[in-house]
Amino acid sequence: MGTDPFALKYASVPAEFDGDPRKLVLLGHSAGAHIAAMLTFDEHFLMAVGGEQRWISGFIGLSGPYDFLPSIDPVVQQVFSSLTNLKESQPINFVGGREPPVLLMHGEADQREGCKGDRSMFQ
């Protein structure tokens, strides 16, 4: 997850950035939607930098991969090869009903991730 949790921590500190954690909405497209979803739904990333899930007041995902296992894509397999439990890479596995408001969108012709991940998140 790299520096993403630290960026949220910085943005949430009023004295540093005039940030207000009640107004942070994360948005991402494709892999960026995956990262934003993981930050929104899996609180351990924010807790690692002294943060809380309440810092995020909303999430907007555009054509994001939220539920893509099993994957036969060699690039995806390589990216997540360091994980012993691949379920930890799936945002869908961290949705529990206490999340902030979520807006998920994809194009009608999106065949790669498209509505599969959006439908999984909705259910």
Protein backbone atom coordinates (compact mmCIF):
# COMPACT_ATOMS: atom_id res chain seq x y z
CA MET A 1 0.00 0.00 0.00
CA GLY A 2 3.08 2.20 0.19
CA THR A 3 2.58 5.85 1.06
CA ASP A 4 -1.20 5.96 0.62
CA PRO A 5 -2.05 5.63 4.35
CA PHE A 6 0.52 8.32 5.15
CA ALA A 7 -1.07 10.64 2.59
CA LEU A 8 -4.43 10.19 4.30
CA LYS A 9 -2.86 10.85 7.68
CA TYR A 10 -1.34 14.09 6.37
CA ALA A 11 -4.61 15.20 4.79
CA SER A 12 -6.53 14.53 8.00
CA VAL A 13 -4.42 16.83 10.20
CA PRO A 14 -6.11 20.26 10.36
CA ALA A 15 -2.99 22.17 11.42
CA GLU A 16 -0.89 20.75 8.57
CA PHE A 17 -3.24 20.78 5.60
CA ASP A 18 -6.48 22.30 6.83
CA GLY A 19 -7.78 18.77 6.52
CA ASP A 20 -10.98 17.46 7.97
CA PRO A 21 -11.25 13.68 8.19
CA ARG A 22 -15.04 13.96 7.99
CA LYS A 23 -14.68 15.34 4.46
CA LEU A 24 -12.19 12.89 2.86
CA VAL A 25 -13.65 10.98 -0.07
CA LEU A 26 -11.41 8.51 -1.86
CA LEU A 27 -11.75 8.04 -5.61
CA GLY A 28 -9.89 5.70 -7.89
CA HIS A 29 -10.02 4.17 -11.35
CA SER A 30 -9.02 0.57 -12.08
CA ALA A 31 -5.99 -0.29 -9.88
CA GLY A 32 -6.45 3.06 -8.15
CA ALA A 33 -10.00 2.03 -7.28
CA HIS A 34 -8.60 -1.17 -5.77
CA ILE A 35 -6.16 0.83 -3.61
CA ALA A 36 -8.83 3.31 -2.54
CA ALA A 37 -11.21 0.44 -1.72
CA MET A 38 -8.59 -1.31 0.39
CA LEU A 39 -7.95 1.91 2.31
CA THR A 40 -11.68 2.39 2.79
CA PHE A 41 -12.63 -1.14 3.80
CA ASP A 42 -9.52 -2.68 5.44
CA GLU A 43 -8.82 -0.50 8.46
CA HIS A 44 -5.44 -2.07 9.26
CA PHE A 45 -3.73 0.15 6.65
CA LEU A 46 -4.86 3.33 8.42
CA MET A 47 -4.30 1.89 11.89
CA ALA A 48 -0.65 1.27 10.91
CA VAL A 49 -0.15 5.05 10.68
CA GLY A 50 -2.26 5.95 13.71
CA GLY A 51 -5.41 6.50 11.70
CA GLU A 52 -9.00 5.38 11.84
CA GLN A 53 -11.54 4.24 9.31
CA ARG A 54 -13.70 7.25 10.22
CA TRP A 55 -11.16 9.44 8.39
CA ILE A 56 -12.85 8.35 5.16
CA SER A 57 -16.33 9.70 4.60
CA GLY A 58 -16.91 8.17 1.16
CA PHE A 59 -15.50 6.04 -1.64
CA ILE A 60 -16.01 6.32 -5.41
CA GLY A 61 -14.76 3.45 -7.54
CA LEU A 62 -14.52 3.54 -11.34
CA SER A 63 -14.07 0.15 -13.04
CA GLY A 64 -12.33 -1.27 -10.02
CA PRO A 65 -11.25 -4.84 -9.34
CA TYR A 66 -12.87 -5.63 -6.01
CA ASP A 67 -13.42 -9.36 -6.39
CA PHE A 68 -11.04 -10.89 -8.94
CA LEU A 69 -10.06 -14.31 -7.62
CA PRO A 70 -9.23 -16.73 -8.99
CA SER A 71 -7.04 -14.91 -11.48
CA ILE A 72 -5.23 -16.44 -14.41
CA ASP A 73 -3.62 -13.13 -15.36
CA PRO A 74 0.16 -13.54 -14.85
CA VAL A 75 0.60 -9.85 -13.98
CA VAL A 76 -2.03 -10.04 -11.24
CA GLN A 77 -0.47 -13.25 -9.94
CA GLN A 78 2.96 -11.58 -9.77
CA VAL A 79 1.67 -8.41 -8.07
CA PHE A 80 0.08 -10.41 -5.25
CA SER A 81 2.69 -13.19 -5.07
CA SER A 82 4.01 -12.02 -1.68
CA LEU A 83 0.67 -12.65 0.05
CA THR A 84 0.20 -15.96 1.76
CA ASN A 85 -3.57 -15.45 1.83
CA LEU A 86 -4.84 -14.04 -1.47
CA LYS A 87 -8.21 -13.21 0.11
CA GLU A 88 -6.37 -10.32 1.80
CA SER A 89 -6.02 -8.71 -1.63
CA GLN A 90 -9.77 -8.57 -2.23
CA PRO A 91 -11.66 -5.46 -1.04
CA ILE A 92 -14.90 -7.47 -1.10
CA ASN A 93 -13.62 -9.52 1.85
CA PHE A 94 -13.49 -6.45 4.10
CA VAL A 95 -17.01 -5.14 3.53
CA GLY A 96 -19.00 -5.57 6.70
CA GLY A 97 -21.78 -2.99 6.67
CA ARG A 98 -20.12 -0.13 8.61
CA GLU A 99 -18.50 1.50 5.60
CA PRO A 100 -19.02 5.08 4.49
CA PRO A 101 -21.23 5.75 1.46
CA VAL A 102 -19.97 4.09 -1.71
CA LEU A 103 -20.53 4.88 -5.39
CA LEU A 104 -19.37 2.24 -7.89
CA MET A 105 -19.37 2.87 -11.64
CA HIS A 106 -18.20 1.10 -14.77
CA GLY A 107 -18.70 1.45 -18.50
CA GLU A 108 -21.20 -0.70 -20.36
CA ALA A 109 -18.42 -2.11 -22.55
CA ASP A 110 -16.06 -2.79 -19.62
CA GLN A 111 -15.27 -6.48 -20.02
CA ARG A 112 -12.16 -6.71 -17.81
CA GLU A 113 -13.57 -5.94 -14.36
CA GLY A 114 -16.83 -4.23 -15.13
CA CYS A 115 -19.96 -5.10 -13.29
CA LYS A 116 -18.69 -8.35 -11.68
CA GLY A 117 -16.84 -6.49 -8.93
CA ASP A 118 -19.54 -3.85 -8.61
CA ARG A 119 -22.25 -6.47 -8.18
CA SER A 120 -20.18 -8.37 -5.62
CA MET A 121 -19.70 -5.19 -3.58
CA PHE A 122 -23.39 -4.35 -3.80
CA GLN A 123 -24.53 -7.74 -2.56
